[in-house]
Amino acid sequence: MKLKKIPKFKSEKEEREFWQRVDSTEYVDYKTFSRVSFPNLKLTTKPVTIRLPESLIDRVKIEAHKMDIPYQALMKKFIYDGLSS
């Protein structure tokens, strides 16, 4: 099977939207992939401390449980989405 050429993207947003709407198997041969590891990779996140009401944390935990994701990941998403709008 001949693979399609991956286009050049002007931004990460454009690339993300592209991969969300196409079938990646038309562009990538996953059979040729090999497992790699990055043992010296440094985390790019920084821990922060924030005081929140327990009731708010409980509500976030309930929503995260419904979505089957960690509650801290959901909180990061809320912050990111809030900054993006």
PDB file of N, CA and C in Angstrom:
ATOM      1  N   MET A   1       0.845  -1.186   0.000  1.00  0.00           N
ATOM      2  CA  MET A   1       0.000   0.000   0.000  1.00  0.00           C
ATOM      3  C   MET A   1       0.889   1.247   0.000  1.00  0.00           C
ATOM      4  N   LYS A   2       0.611   2.157  -0.891  1.00  0.00           N
ATOM      5  CA  LYS A   2       1.361   3.412  -0.985  1.00  0.00           C
ATOM      6  C   LYS A   2       0.801   4.393   0.040  1.00  0.00           C
ATOM      7  N   LEU A   3       1.708   4.924   0.865  1.00  0.00           N
ATOM      8  CA  LEU A   3       1.299   5.865   1.897  1.00  0.00           C
ATOM      9  C   LEU A   3       1.178   7.274   1.324  1.00  0.00           C
ATOM     10  N   LYS A   4       0.221   8.016   1.867  1.00  0.00           N
ATOM     11  CA  LYS A   4       0.062   9.414   1.480  1.00  0.00           C
ATOM     12  C   LYS A   4       1.153  10.244   2.145  1.00  0.00           C
ATOM     13  N   LYS A   5       1.520  11.342   1.510  1.00  0.00           N
ATOM     14  CA  LYS A   5       2.544  12.227   2.054  1.00  0.00           C
ATOM     15  C   LYS A   5       1.932  13.102   3.154  1.00  0.00           C
ATOM     16  N   ILE A   6       2.636  13.213   4.264  1.00  0.00           N
ATOM     17  CA  ILE A   6       2.175  14.060   5.366  1.00  0.00           C
ATOM     18  C   ILE A   6       2.421  15.514   4.982  1.00  0.00           C
ATOM     19  N   PRO A   7       1.386  16.349   5.028  1.00  0.00           N
ATOM     20  CA  PRO A   7       1.564  17.747   4.619  1.00  0.00           C
ATOM     21  C   PRO A   7       2.380  18.548   5.627  1.00  0.00           C
ATOM     22  N   LYS A   8       2.862  19.698   5.198  1.00  0.00           N
ATOM     23  CA  LYS A   8       3.538  20.643   6.099  1.00  0.00           C
ATOM     24  C   LYS A   8       2.449  21.434   6.814  1.00  0.00           C
ATOM     25  N   PHE A   9       2.662  21.713   8.088  1.00  0.00           N
ATOM     26  CA  PHE A   9       1.669  22.422   8.887  1.00  0.00           C
ATOM     27  C   PHE A   9       2.203  23.784   9.293  1.00  0.00           C
ATOM     28  N   LYS A  10       1.314  24.753   9.350  1.00  0.00           N
ATOM     29  CA  LYS A  10       1.693  26.113   9.746  1.00  0.00           C
ATOM     30  C   LYS A  10       1.731  26.267  11.266  1.00  0.00           C
ATOM     31  N   SER A  11       1.004  25.393  11.964  1.00  0.00           N
ATOM     32  CA  SER A  11       0.945  25.497  13.419  1.00  0.00           C
ATOM     33  C   SER A  11       0.616  24.136  14.018  1.00  0.00           C
ATOM     34  N   GLU A  12       0.838  24.017  15.326  1.00  0.00           N
ATOM     35  CA  GLU A  12       0.468  22.785  16.019  1.00  0.00           C
ATOM     36  C   GLU A  12      -1.027  22.578  15.979  1.00  0.00           C
ATOM     37  N   LYS A  13      -1.784  23.662  16.049  1.00  0.00           N
ATOM     38  CA  LYS A  13      -3.246  23.564  15.999  1.00  0.00           C
ATOM     39  C   LYS A  13      -3.691  22.959  14.664  1.00  0.00           C
ATOM     40  N   GLU A  14      -3.102  23.438  13.580  1.00  0.00           N
ATOM     41  CA  GLU A  14      -3.448  22.917  12.260  1.00  0.00           C
ATOM     42  C   GLU A  14      -3.097  21.428  12.170  1.00  0.00           C
ATOM     43  N   GLU A  15      -1.939  21.050  12.703  1.00  0.00           N
ATOM     44  CA  GLU A  15      -1.534  19.651  12.677  1.00  0.00           C
ATOM     45  C   GLU A  15      -2.482  18.792  13.514  1.00  0.00           C
ATOM     46  N   ARG A  16      -2.825  19.271  14.703  1.00  0.00           N
ATOM     47  CA  ARG A  16      -3.742  18.536  15.580  1.00  0.00           C
ATOM     48  C   ARG A  16      -5.091  18.310  14.890  1.00  0.00           C
ATOM     49  N   GLU A  17      -5.625  19.352  14.264  1.00  0.00           N
ATOM     50  CA  GLU A  17      -6.911  19.230  13.575  1.00  0.00           C
ATOM     51  C   GLU A  17      -6.824  18.247  12.415  1.00  0.00           C
ATOM     52  N   PHE A  18      -5.692  18.249  11.715  1.00  0.00           N
ATOM     53  CA  PHE A  18      -5.492  17.314  10.603  1.00  0.00           C
ATOM     54  C   PHE A  18      -5.568  15.879  11.097  1.00  0.00           C
ATOM     55  N   TRP A  19      -4.778  15.550  12.142  1.00  0.00           N
ATOM     56  CA  TRP A  19      -4.728  14.176  12.628  1.00  0.00           C
ATOM     57  C   TRP A  19      -6.033  13.734  13.267  1.00  0.00           C
ATOM     58  N   GLN A  20      -6.848  14.680  13.727  1.00  0.00           N
ATOM     59  CA  GLN A  20      -8.139  14.316  14.303  1.00  0.00           C
ATOM     60  C   GLN A  20      -9.157  13.931  13.233  1.00  0.00           C
ATOM     61  N   ARG A  21      -8.959  14.394  12.008  1.00  0.00           N
ATOM     62  CA  ARG A  21      -9.971  14.124  10.983  1.00  0.00           C
ATOM     63  C   ARG A  21      -9.565  13.074   9.944  1.00  0.00           C
ATOM     64  N   VAL A  22      -8.289  12.642   9.918  1.00  0.00           N
ATOM     65  CA  VAL A  22      -7.856  11.666   8.924  1.00  0.00           C
ATOM     66  C   VAL A  22      -7.562  10.322   9.575  1.00  0.00           C
ATOM     67  N   ASP A  23      -7.486   9.298   8.755  1.00  0.00           N
ATOM     68  CA  ASP A  23      -7.077   7.975   9.212  1.00  0.00           C
ATOM     69  C   ASP A  23      -5.557   7.910   9.107  1.00  0.00           C
ATOM     70  N   SER A  24      -4.875   7.866  10.237  1.00  0.00           N
ATOM     71  CA  SER A  24      -3.410   7.931  10.240  1.00  0.00           C
ATOM     72  C   SER A  24      -2.763   6.742   9.542  1.00  0.00           C
ATOM     73  N   THR A  25      -3.475   5.619   9.410  1.00  0.00           N
ATOM     74  CA  THR A  25      -2.885   4.454   8.747  1.00  0.00           C
ATOM     75  C   THR A  25      -2.689   4.692   7.253  1.00  0.00           C
ATOM     76  N   GLU A  26      -3.294   5.750   6.726  1.00  0.00           N
ATOM     77  CA  GLU A  26      -3.064   6.102   5.322  1.00  0.00           C
ATOM     78  C   GLU A  26      -1.769   6.893   5.155  1.00  0.00           C
ATOM     79  N   TYR A  27      -1.187   7.341   6.267  1.00  0.00           N
ATOM     80  CA  TYR A  27       0.003   8.184   6.247  1.00  0.00           C
ATOM     81  C   TYR A  27       1.209   7.557   6.939  1.00  0.00           C
ATOM     82  N   VAL A  28       0.962   6.613   7.851  1.00  0.00           N
ATOM     83  CA  VAL A  28       2.034   6.046   8.677  1.00  0.00           C
ATOM     84  C   VAL A  28       1.948   4.526   8.646  1.00  0.00           C
ATOM     85  N   ASP A  29       3.094   3.877   8.463  1.00  0.00           N
ATOM     86  CA  ASP A  29       3.160   2.421   8.509  1.00  0.00           C
ATOM     87  C   ASP A  29       3.580   2.018   9.923  1.00  0.00           C
ATOM     88  N   TYR A  30       2.621   1.680  10.745  1.00  0.00           N
ATOM     89  CA  TYR A  30       2.890   1.368  12.149  1.00  0.00           C
ATOM     90  C   TYR A  30       3.670   0.068  12.333  1.00  0.00           C
ATOM     91  N   LYS A  31       3.713  -0.777  11.316  1.00  0.00           N
ATOM     92  CA  LYS A  31       4.456  -2.036  11.414  1.00  0.00           C
ATOM     93  C   LYS A  31       5.956  -1.790  11.492  1.00  0.00           C
ATOM     94  N   THR A  32       6.403  -0.637  11.020  1.00  0.00           N
ATOM     95  CA  THR A  32       7.839  -0.345  11.016  1.00  0.00           C
ATOM     96  C   THR A  32       8.300   0.328  12.313  1.00  0.00           C
ATOM     97  N   PHE A  33       7.395   0.610  13.211  1.00  0.00           N
ATOM     98  CA  PHE A  33       7.758   1.288  14.458  1.00  0.00           C
ATOM     99  C   PHE A  33       8.556   0.352  15.361  1.00  0.00           C
ATOM    100  N   SER A  34       9.432   0.951  16.151  1.00  0.00           N
ATOM    101  CA  SER A  34      10.158   0.193  17.169  1.00  0.00           C
ATOM    102  C   SER A  34      10.066   0.954  18.486  1.00  0.00           C
ATOM    103  N   ARG A  35      10.134   0.222  19.573  1.00  0.00           N
ATOM    104  CA  ARG A  35      10.027   0.833  20.896  1.00  0.00           C
ATOM    105  C   ARG A  35      11.324   1.564  21.226  1.00  0.00           C
ATOM    106  N   VAL A  36      11.187   2.762  21.758  1.00  0.00           N
ATOM    107  CA  VAL A  36      12.348   3.544  22.185  1.00  0.00           C
ATOM    108  C   VAL A  36      12.123   4.015  23.614  1.00  0.00           C
ATOM    109  N   SER A  37      13.196   4.367  24.274  1.00  0.00           N
ATOM    110  CA  SER A  37      13.070   4.930  25.617  1.00  0.00           C
ATOM    111  C   SER A  37      13.985   6.137  25.717  1.00  0.00           C
ATOM    112  N   PHE A  38      13.639   7.025  26.609  1.00  0.00           N
ATOM    113  CA  PHE A  38      14.396   8.245  26.844  1.00  0.00           C
ATOM    114  C   PHE A  38      14.729   8.301  28.337  1.00  0.00           C
ATOM    115  N   PRO A  39      15.746   7.567  28.759  1.00  0.00           N
ATOM    116  CA  PRO A  39      16.020   7.468  30.198  1.00  0.00           C
ATOM    117  C   PRO A  39      16.466   8.778  30.846  1.00  0.00           C
ATOM    118  N   ASN A  40      17.031   9.693  30.075  1.00  0.00           N
ATOM    119  CA  ASN A  40      17.534  10.941  30.654  1.00  0.00           C
ATOM    120  C   ASN A  40      16.599  12.122  30.412  1.00  0.00           C
ATOM    121  N   LEU A  41      15.391  11.839  29.973  1.00  0.00           N
ATOM    122  CA  LEU A  41      14.435  12.902  29.693  1.00  0.00           C
ATOM    123  C   LEU A  41      13.986  13.560  30.994  1.00  0.00           C
ATOM    124  N   LYS A  42      14.081  14.855  31.051  1.00  0.00           N
ATOM    125  CA  LYS A  42      13.666  15.609  32.240  1.00  0.00           C
ATOM    126  C   LYS A  42      12.205  16.018  32.107  1.00  0.00           C
ATOM    127  N   LEU A  43      11.481  15.949  33.209  1.00  0.00           N
ATOM    128  CA  LEU A  43      10.091  16.376  33.205  1.00  0.00           C
ATOM    129  C   LEU A  43      10.018  17.872  32.929  1.00  0.00           C
ATOM    130  N   THR A  44       9.037  18.262  32.140  1.00  0.00           N
ATOM    131  CA  THR A  44       8.883  19.683  31.833  1.00  0.00           C
ATOM    132  C   THR A  44       7.762  20.297  32.659  1.00  0.00           C
ATOM    133  N   THR A  45       7.281  19.563  33.624  1.00  0.00           N
ATOM    134  CA  THR A  45       6.238  20.114  34.491  1.00  0.00           C
ATOM    135  C   THR A  45       6.859  20.544  35.811  1.00  0.00           C
ATOM    136  N   LYS A  46       6.188  21.458  36.459  1.00  0.00           N
ATOM    137  CA  LYS A  46       6.662  21.961  37.744  1.00  0.00           C
ATOM    138  C   LYS A  46       5.508  21.837  38.738  1.00  0.00           C
ATOM    139  N   PRO A  47       5.757  21.225  39.876  1.00  0.00           N
ATOM    140  CA  PRO A  47       4.679  21.112  40.857  1.00  0.00           C
ATOM    141  C   PRO A  47       4.352  22.480  41.461  1.00  0.00           C
ATOM    142  N   VAL A  48       3.063  22.710  41.672  1.00  0.00           N
ATOM    143  CA  VAL A  48       2.617  23.948  42.315  1.00  0.00           C
ATOM    144  C   VAL A  48       1.660  23.591  43.448  1.00  0.00           C
ATOM    145  N   THR A  49       1.595  24.446  44.411  1.00  0.00           N
ATOM    146  CA  THR A  49       0.668  24.264  45.522  1.00  0.00           C
ATOM    147  C   THR A  49      -0.412  25.323  45.401  1.00  0.00           C
ATOM    148  N   ILE A  50      -1.654  24.879  45.469  1.00  0.00           N
ATOM    149  CA  ILE A  50      -2.786  25.804  45.409  1.00  0.00           C
ATOM    150  C   ILE A  50      -3.819  25.337  46.427  1.00  0.00           C
ATOM    151  N   ARG A  51      -4.334  26.259  47.169  1.00  0.00           N
ATOM    152  CA  ARG A  51      -5.347  25.912  48.171  1.00  0.00           C
ATOM    153  C   ARG A  51      -6.727  26.082  47.546  1.00  0.00           C
ATOM    154  N   LEU A  52      -7.496  25.000  47.584  1.00  0.00           N
ATOM    155  CA  LEU A  52      -8.852  24.996  47.034  1.00  0.00           C
ATOM    156  C   LEU A  52      -9.802  24.433  48.082  1.00  0.00           C
ATOM    157  N   PRO A  53     -11.048  24.866  48.054  1.00  0.00           N
ATOM    158  CA  PRO A  53     -12.027  24.279  48.980  1.00  0.00           C
ATOM    159  C   PRO A  53     -12.185  22.774  48.709  1.00  0.00           C
ATOM    160  N   GLU A  54     -12.300  22.001  49.774  1.00  0.00           N
ATOM    161  CA  GLU A  54     -12.460  20.555  49.616  1.00  0.00           C
ATOM    162  C   GLU A  54     -13.649  20.207  48.743  1.00  0.00           C
ATOM    163  N   SER A  55     -14.720  20.978  48.856  1.00  0.00           N
ATOM    164  CA  SER A  55     -15.917  20.692  48.058  1.00  0.00           C
ATOM    165  C   SER A  55     -15.619  20.826  46.565  1.00  0.00           C
ATOM    166  N   LEU A  56     -14.778  21.779  46.203  1.00  0.00           N
ATOM    167  CA  LEU A  56     -14.415  21.951  44.792  1.00  0.00           C
ATOM    168  C   LEU A  56     -13.567  20.776  44.310  1.00  0.00           C
ATOM    169  N   ILE A  57     -12.623  20.368  45.126  1.00  0.00           N
ATOM    170  CA  ILE A  57     -11.787  19.219  44.770  1.00  0.00           C
ATOM    171  C   ILE A  57     -12.649  17.965  44.622  1.00  0.00           C
ATOM    172  N   ASP A  58     -13.603  17.786  45.531  1.00  0.00           N
ATOM    173  CA  ASP A  58     -14.495  16.630  45.457  1.00  0.00           C
ATOM    174  C   ASP A  58     -15.301  16.643  44.166  1.00  0.00           C
ATOM    175  N   ARG A  59     -15.791  17.827  43.774  1.00  0.00           N
ATOM    176  CA  ARG A  59     -16.557  17.930  42.523  1.00  0.00           C
ATOM    177  C   ARG A  59     -15.695  17.578  41.316  1.00  0.00           C
ATOM    178  N   VAL A  60     -14.449  18.054  41.323  1.00  0.00           N
ATOM    179  CA  VAL A  60     -13.535  17.734  40.221  1.00  0.00           C
ATOM    180  C   VAL A  60     -13.247  16.237  40.191  1.00  0.00           C
ATOM    181  N   LYS A  61     -13.048  15.634  41.351  1.00  0.00           N
ATOM    182  CA  LYS A  61     -12.782  14.204  41.411  1.00  0.00           C
ATOM    183  C   LYS A  61     -13.955  13.395  40.862  1.00  0.00           C
ATOM    184  N   ILE A  62     -15.163  13.819  41.166  1.00  0.00           N
ATOM    185  CA  ILE A  62     -16.360  13.121  40.664  1.00  0.00           C
ATOM    186  C   ILE A  62     -16.413  13.209  39.145  1.00  0.00           C
ATOM    187  N   GLU A  63     -16.191  14.417  38.605  1.00  0.00           N
ATOM    188  CA  GLU A  63     -16.214  14.591  37.149  1.00  0.00           C
ATOM    189  C   GLU A  63     -15.105  13.792  36.482  1.00  0.00           C
ATOM    190  N   ALA A  64     -13.919  13.798  37.080  1.00  0.00           N
ATOM    191  CA  ALA A  64     -12.793  13.045  36.522  1.00  0.00           C
ATOM    192  C   ALA A  64     -13.098  11.549  36.529  1.00  0.00           C
ATOM    193  N   HIS A  65     -13.726  11.076  37.608  1.00  0.00           N
ATOM    194  CA  HIS A  65     -14.092   9.663  37.691  1.00  0.00           C
ATOM    195  C   HIS A  65     -15.068   9.295  36.577  1.00  0.00           C
ATOM    196  N   LYS A  66     -16.039  10.172  36.306  1.00  0.00           N
ATOM    197  CA  LYS A  66     -16.999   9.923  35.227  1.00  0.00           C
ATOM    198  C   LYS A  66     -16.298   9.810  33.877  1.00  0.00           C
ATOM    199  N   MET A  67     -15.209  10.593  33.715  1.00  0.00           N
ATOM    200  CA  MET A  67     -14.472  10.612  32.453  1.00  0.00           C
ATOM    201  C   MET A  67     -13.333   9.583  32.447  1.00  0.00           C
ATOM    202  N   ASP A  68     -13.139   8.901  33.580  1.00  0.00           N
ATOM    203  CA  ASP A  68     -12.109   7.883  33.739  1.00  0.00           C
ATOM    204  C   ASP A  68     -10.707   8.445  33.482  1.00  0.00           C
ATOM    205  N   ILE A  69     -10.446   9.624  34.055  1.00  0.00           N
ATOM    206  CA  ILE A  69      -9.122  10.238  33.975  1.00  0.00           C
ATOM    207  C   ILE A  69      -8.715  10.703  35.371  1.00  0.00           C
ATOM    208  N   PRO A  70      -7.432  10.866  35.625  1.00  0.00           N
ATOM    209  CA  PRO A  70      -7.008  11.378  36.937  1.00  0.00           C
ATOM    210  C   PRO A  70      -7.535  12.802  37.156  1.00  0.00           C
ATOM    211  N   TYR A  71      -7.906  13.111  38.386  1.00  0.00           N
ATOM    212  CA  TYR A  71      -8.505  14.419  38.650  1.00  0.00           C
ATOM    213  C   TYR A  71      -7.523  15.558  38.408  1.00  0.00           C
ATOM    214  N   GLN A  72      -6.228  15.317  38.647  1.00  0.00           N
ATOM    215  CA  GLN A  72      -5.258  16.373  38.401  1.00  0.00           C
ATOM    216  C   GLN A  72      -5.129  16.676  36.908  1.00  0.00           C
ATOM    217  N   ALA A  73      -5.273  15.660  36.073  1.00  0.00           N
ATOM    218  CA  ALA A  73      -5.256  15.872  34.624  1.00  0.00           C
ATOM    219  C   ALA A  73      -6.459  16.716  34.206  1.00  0.00           C
ATOM    220  N   LEU A  74      -7.606  16.455  34.821  1.00  0.00           N
ATOM    221  CA  LEU A  74      -8.797  17.239  34.510  1.00  0.00           C
ATOM    222  C   LEU A  74      -8.621  18.692  34.957  1.00  0.00           C
ATOM    223  N   MET A  75      -7.999  18.887  36.108  1.00  0.00           N
ATOM    224  CA  MET A  75      -7.761  20.254  36.576  1.00  0.00           C
ATOM    225  C   MET A  75      -6.822  20.998  35.612  1.00  0.00           C
ATOM    226  N   LYS A  76      -5.790  20.302  35.120  1.00  0.00           N
ATOM    227  CA  LYS A  76      -4.886  20.920  34.139  1.00  0.00           C
ATOM    228  C   LYS A  76      -5.640  21.296  32.874  1.00  0.00           C
ATOM    229  N   LYS A  77      -6.558  20.412  32.450  1.00  0.00           N
ATOM    230  CA  LYS A  77      -7.364  20.704  31.268  1.00  0.00           C
ATOM    231  C   LYS A  77      -8.235  21.932  31.487  1.00  0.00           C
ATOM    232  N   PHE A  78      -8.856  22.038  32.655  1.00  0.00           N
ATOM    233  CA  PHE A  78      -9.674  23.201  32.958  1.00  0.00           C
ATOM    234  C   PHE A  78      -8.852  24.492  32.897  1.00  0.00           C
ATOM    235  N   ILE A  79      -7.659  24.454  33.462  1.00  0.00           N
ATOM    236  CA  ILE A  79      -6.799  25.637  33.448  1.00  0.00           C
ATOM    237  C   ILE A  79      -6.403  25.989  32.022  1.00  0.00           C
ATOM    238  N   TYR A  80      -5.973  24.976  31.258  1.00  0.00           N
ATOM    239  CA  TYR A  80      -5.565  25.207  29.867  1.00  0.00           C
ATOM    240  C   TYR A  80      -6.719  25.764  29.047  1.00  0.00           C
ATOM    241  N   ASP A  81      -7.901  25.130  29.174  1.00  0.00           N
ATOM    242  CA  ASP A  81      -9.069  25.598  28.420  1.00  0.00           C
ATOM    243  C   ASP A  81      -9.446  27.023  28.803  1.00  0.00           C
ATOM    244  N   GLY A  82      -9.347  27.345  30.080  1.00  0.00           N
ATOM    245  CA  GLY A  82      -9.662  28.692  30.539  1.00  0.00           C
ATOM    246  C   GLY A  82      -8.718  29.729  29.965  1.00  0.00           C
ATOM    247  N   LEU A  83      -7.457  29.377  29.832  1.00  0.00           N
ATOM    248  CA  LEU A  83      -6.474  30.309  29.269  1.00  0.00           C
ATOM    249  C   LEU A  83      -6.608  30.425  27.758  1.00  0.00           C
ATOM    250  N   SER A  84      -7.113  29.371  27.121  1.00  0.00           N
ATOM    251  CA  SER A  84      -7.231  29.364  25.662  1.00  0.00           C
ATOM    252  C   SER A  84      -8.430  30.162  25.164  1.00  0.00           C
ATOM    253  N   SER A  85      -9.421  30.350  26.025  1.00  0.00           N
ATOM    254  CA  SER A  85     -10.631  31.041  25.564  1.00  0.00           C
ATOM    255  C   SER A  85     -10.540  32.537  25.732  1.00  0.00           C
TER     256      SER A  85
END
